[in-house]
Each structure stands twice: as structure tokens, then as C-alpha cells.
Amino acid sequence: MPGTKASGRPGGNPDIAKHGFKTKRSEPLRENLQVRVTTSMMSQLKSIDNWHEFVRQTLAAALTERQKQLQSSAASISEKKQKD
């Protein structure tokens, strides 16, 4: 009888790991980000094939660039302190 304890396999599926979702990414996409954009920006984004991935890659590139800038700033501050 469907929906009862007797209807399913007791203990669940022992091979569930075989059927689970797998990703080829180095880090799984588990977080969600919501950003408000203009209607024209959204239209432009949606015209790009696989626009979600485009946004991820663009954001990752911007974060990497920002990290480089911060490291460069920290290095120059450190150099100034050593000279003084």
C-alpha cells in the first residue's frame, strides 16, 4: 500500500550514494545570492547562453582581482613600514 511503512523498503535505499547528484566543480554551489539589477541589465544577461555561469565567472574574476589589489596594498604598506 503506497504511503505506508510497509510500502517502502525498510531502512531506505542502501545504494543512495550511486544515485545522488554529483558535480565536476572543485567546490559545490550551495549558497544563493540575490542581486537587484535594472530591467535592461537583466535582458542583456538573459541574452547570453548559460548566463548564470557567466555571472559566476565574472564575479569570481572580480573577487580575484580585488584580492590581488588588497594583497598589493598590504605589501606596499609593509614596505613603507620597513623603510621607516
N, C-alpha and C. Protein backbone atom coordinates (compact mmCIF):
# COMPACT_ATOMS: atom_id res chain seq x y z
N MET A 1 0.85 -1.18 0.00
CA MET A 1 0.00 0.00 0.00
C MET A 1 0.89 1.25 0.00
N PRO A 2 0.74 2.15 -0.99
CA PRO A 2 1.61 3.33 -1.08
C PRO A 2 1.44 4.26 0.11
N GLY A 3 2.54 4.85 0.53
CA GLY A 3 2.50 5.84 1.60
C GLY A 3 2.52 5.26 3.00
N THR A 4 2.64 3.97 3.13
CA THR A 4 2.72 3.38 4.46
C THR A 4 4.11 2.81 4.67
N LYS A 5 4.41 2.48 5.90
CA LYS A 5 5.72 1.94 6.21
C LYS A 5 5.95 0.62 5.47
N ALA A 6 4.89 -0.15 5.28
CA ALA A 6 5.01 -1.43 4.60
C ALA A 6 5.23 -1.26 3.10
N SER A 7 4.96 -0.07 2.57
CA SER A 7 5.06 0.12 1.12
C SER A 7 6.50 0.29 0.65
N GLY A 8 7.37 0.78 1.48
CA GLY A 8 8.75 1.05 1.07
C GLY A 8 9.72 0.04 1.62
N ARG A 9 10.94 0.21 1.24
CA ARG A 9 11.99 -0.67 1.73
C ARG A 9 12.41 -0.19 3.12
N PRO A 10 12.35 -1.04 4.12
CA PRO A 10 12.76 -0.62 5.46
C PRO A 10 14.23 -0.18 5.47
N GLY A 11 14.49 0.96 6.03
CA GLY A 11 15.87 1.44 6.12
C GLY A 11 16.29 2.27 4.93
N GLY A 12 15.46 2.43 3.93
CA GLY A 12 15.81 3.25 2.77
C GLY A 12 16.64 2.50 1.75
N ASN A 13 17.16 3.23 0.81
CA ASN A 13 17.95 2.67 -0.28
C ASN A 13 19.42 2.60 0.14
N PRO A 14 19.99 1.40 0.23
CA PRO A 14 21.39 1.31 0.65
C PRO A 14 22.35 1.85 -0.41
N ASP A 15 21.90 1.96 -1.66
CA ASP A 15 22.76 2.45 -2.75
C ASP A 15 22.45 3.89 -3.11
N ILE A 16 21.96 4.68 -2.18
CA ILE A 16 21.56 6.05 -2.47
C ILE A 16 22.72 6.89 -2.98
N ALA A 17 23.93 6.62 -2.54
CA ALA A 17 25.10 7.40 -2.97
C ALA A 17 25.33 7.27 -4.48
N LYS A 18 24.97 6.13 -5.06
CA LYS A 18 25.13 5.93 -6.50
C LYS A 18 24.21 6.85 -7.29
N HIS A 19 23.09 7.21 -6.71
CA HIS A 19 22.07 7.95 -7.44
C HIS A 19 22.04 9.43 -7.09
N GLY A 20 22.87 9.86 -6.19
CA GLY A 20 22.88 11.26 -5.78
C GLY A 20 23.48 12.16 -6.83
N PHE A 21 23.22 13.45 -6.72
CA PHE A 21 23.75 14.46 -7.64
C PHE A 21 25.25 14.61 -7.40
N LYS A 22 26.00 14.64 -8.49
CA LYS A 22 27.45 14.84 -8.41
C LYS A 22 27.82 16.04 -9.27
N THR A 23 28.83 16.77 -8.85
CA THR A 23 29.29 17.93 -9.59
C THR A 23 30.75 17.75 -9.99
N LYS A 24 31.12 18.39 -11.08
CA LYS A 24 32.52 18.35 -11.52
C LYS A 24 33.28 19.56 -11.01
N ARG A 25 32.62 20.41 -10.24
CA ARG A 25 33.25 21.61 -9.71
C ARG A 25 34.16 21.26 -8.53
N SER A 26 35.16 22.10 -8.31
CA SER A 26 36.04 21.88 -7.16
C SER A 26 35.31 22.19 -5.85
N GLU A 27 34.31 23.06 -5.94
CA GLU A 27 33.52 23.42 -4.76
C GLU A 27 32.04 23.45 -5.17
N PRO A 28 31.18 22.74 -4.48
CA PRO A 28 29.77 22.70 -4.88
C PRO A 28 29.08 24.05 -4.70
N LEU A 29 28.06 24.28 -5.50
CA LEU A 29 27.28 25.52 -5.43
C LEU A 29 26.17 25.32 -4.41
N ARG A 30 26.40 25.80 -3.20
CA ARG A 30 25.42 25.58 -2.13
C ARG A 30 24.76 26.86 -1.66
N GLU A 31 25.36 27.99 -1.95
CA GLU A 31 24.83 29.26 -1.47
C GLU A 31 24.02 29.95 -2.57
N ASN A 32 23.12 30.83 -2.14
CA ASN A 32 22.27 31.55 -3.07
C ASN A 32 22.54 33.04 -2.89
N LEU A 33 22.61 33.76 -4.01
CA LEU A 33 22.87 35.20 -3.99
C LEU A 33 21.78 35.90 -4.78
N GLN A 34 21.18 36.90 -4.19
CA GLN A 34 20.16 37.68 -4.90
C GLN A 34 20.67 39.10 -5.05
N VAL A 35 20.60 39.60 -6.29
CA VAL A 35 21.07 40.94 -6.60
C VAL A 35 20.01 41.64 -7.42
N ARG A 36 19.73 42.86 -7.08
CA ARG A 36 18.76 43.63 -7.87
C ARG A 36 19.51 44.32 -9.01
N VAL A 37 18.98 44.18 -10.21
CA VAL A 37 19.55 44.81 -11.40
C VAL A 37 18.44 45.50 -12.17
N THR A 38 18.84 46.34 -13.11
CA THR A 38 17.84 47.03 -13.93
C THR A 38 17.24 46.05 -14.92
N THR A 39 16.10 46.42 -15.47
CA THR A 39 15.44 45.58 -16.47
C THR A 39 16.33 45.39 -17.69
N SER A 40 17.02 46.46 -18.09
CA SER A 40 17.89 46.35 -19.28
C SER A 40 19.08 45.43 -19.02
N MET A 41 19.64 45.49 -17.81
CA MET A 41 20.75 44.59 -17.48
C MET A 41 20.29 43.13 -17.51
N MET A 42 19.10 42.89 -16.97
CA MET A 42 18.60 41.52 -16.94
C MET A 42 18.34 41.02 -18.36
N SER A 43 17.84 41.88 -19.22
CA SER A 43 17.61 41.50 -20.62
C SER A 43 18.92 41.13 -21.30
N GLN A 44 19.95 41.92 -21.04
CA GLN A 44 21.27 41.63 -21.63
C GLN A 44 21.81 40.31 -21.10
N LEU A 45 21.68 40.09 -19.80
CA LEU A 45 22.17 38.84 -19.22
C LEU A 45 21.45 37.64 -19.81
N LYS A 46 20.14 37.72 -19.90
CA LYS A 46 19.37 36.59 -20.39
C LYS A 46 19.63 36.29 -21.87
N SER A 47 20.20 37.26 -22.58
CA SER A 47 20.52 37.02 -23.99
C SER A 47 21.81 36.21 -24.13
N ILE A 48 22.55 36.05 -23.05
CA ILE A 48 23.80 35.29 -23.05
C ILE A 48 23.49 33.83 -22.76
N ASP A 49 24.02 32.93 -23.61
CA ASP A 49 23.85 31.49 -23.35
C ASP A 49 24.51 31.17 -22.01
N ASN A 50 23.82 30.39 -21.20
CA ASN A 50 24.32 29.96 -19.90
C ASN A 50 24.71 31.18 -19.05
N TRP A 51 23.78 32.14 -18.97
CA TRP A 51 24.09 33.40 -18.30
C TRP A 51 24.39 33.24 -16.82
N HIS A 52 23.85 32.23 -16.19
CA HIS A 52 24.15 32.00 -14.76
C HIS A 52 25.64 31.74 -14.56
N GLU A 53 26.20 30.91 -15.44
CA GLU A 53 27.63 30.60 -15.35
C GLU A 53 28.47 31.84 -15.67
N PHE A 54 28.00 32.64 -16.63
CA PHE A 54 28.69 33.90 -16.96
C PHE A 54 28.78 34.80 -15.73
N VAL A 55 27.68 34.92 -14.99
CA VAL A 55 27.66 35.76 -13.79
C VAL A 55 28.61 35.19 -12.74
N ARG A 56 28.61 33.87 -12.57
CA ARG A 56 29.53 33.25 -11.59
C ARG A 56 30.98 33.53 -11.95
N GLN A 57 31.32 33.35 -13.23
CA GLN A 57 32.71 33.56 -13.66
C GLN A 57 33.13 35.02 -13.54
N THR A 58 32.22 35.92 -13.88
CA THR A 58 32.51 37.35 -13.79
C THR A 58 32.71 37.75 -12.33
N LEU A 59 31.88 37.25 -11.46
CA LEU A 59 32.00 37.55 -10.03
C LEU A 59 33.30 36.97 -9.47
N ALA A 60 33.63 35.76 -9.86
CA ALA A 60 34.87 35.13 -9.40
C ALA A 60 36.09 35.93 -9.87
N ALA A 61 36.07 36.41 -11.12
CA ALA A 61 37.18 37.20 -11.64
C ALA A 61 37.31 38.52 -10.88
N ALA A 62 36.18 39.16 -10.58
CA ALA A 62 36.21 40.42 -9.85
C ALA A 62 36.74 40.20 -8.42
N LEU A 63 36.34 39.12 -7.79
CA LEU A 63 36.82 38.83 -6.44
C LEU A 63 38.32 38.53 -6.43
N THR A 64 38.79 37.82 -7.44
CA THR A 64 40.22 37.51 -7.55
C THR A 64 41.01 38.79 -7.75
N GLU A 65 40.52 39.67 -8.62
CA GLU A 65 41.20 40.95 -8.86
C GLU A 65 41.23 41.80 -7.60
N ARG A 66 40.14 41.82 -6.87
CA ARG A 66 40.09 42.60 -5.63
C ARG A 66 41.08 42.04 -4.60
N GLN A 67 41.17 40.74 -4.53
CA GLN A 67 42.11 40.11 -3.59
C GLN A 67 43.55 40.48 -3.95
N LYS A 68 43.86 40.50 -5.25
CA LYS A 68 45.21 40.90 -5.69
C LYS A 68 45.50 42.34 -5.30
N GLN A 69 44.50 43.22 -5.46
CA GLN A 69 44.68 44.63 -5.10
C GLN A 69 44.90 44.78 -3.60
N LEU A 70 44.15 44.02 -2.81
CA LEU A 70 44.32 44.10 -1.36
C LEU A 70 45.70 43.60 -0.93
N GLN A 71 46.16 42.53 -1.56
CA GLN A 71 47.48 42.00 -1.24
C GLN A 71 48.57 42.98 -1.65
N SER A 72 48.38 43.63 -2.79
CA SER A 72 49.34 44.62 -3.26
C SER A 72 49.39 45.81 -2.31
N SER A 73 48.24 46.24 -1.85
CA SER A 73 48.17 47.36 -0.89
C SER A 73 48.85 46.99 0.42
N ALA A 74 48.61 45.78 0.88
CA ALA A 74 49.22 45.33 2.14
C ALA A 74 50.73 45.25 1.99
N ALA A 75 51.21 44.81 0.82
CA ALA A 75 52.64 44.69 0.59
C ALA A 75 53.30 46.06 0.57
N SER A 76 52.64 47.04 -0.06
CA SER A 76 53.23 48.38 -0.13
C SER A 76 53.24 49.05 1.24
N ILE A 77 52.22 48.80 2.05
CA ILE A 77 52.20 49.33 3.42
C ILE A 77 53.32 48.71 4.23
N SER A 78 53.53 47.43 4.05
CA SER A 78 54.60 46.72 4.77
C SER A 78 55.97 47.27 4.37
N GLU A 79 56.15 47.55 3.08
CA GLU A 79 57.41 48.10 2.59
C GLU A 79 57.67 49.49 3.18
N LYS A 80 56.63 50.31 3.27
CA LYS A 80 56.75 51.64 3.82
C LYS A 80 57.17 51.57 5.29
N LYS A 81 56.59 50.62 6.03
CA LYS A 81 56.91 50.48 7.45
C LYS A 81 58.36 50.04 7.62
N GLN A 82 58.85 49.18 6.73
CA GLN A 82 60.24 48.71 6.82
C GLN A 82 61.23 49.85 6.54
N LYS A 83 60.85 50.76 5.65
CA LYS A 83 61.73 51.88 5.32
C LYS A 83 61.81 52.87 6.46
N ASP A 84 60.75 53.00 7.21
CA ASP A 84 60.71 53.99 8.31
C ASP A 84 61.41 53.52 9.51
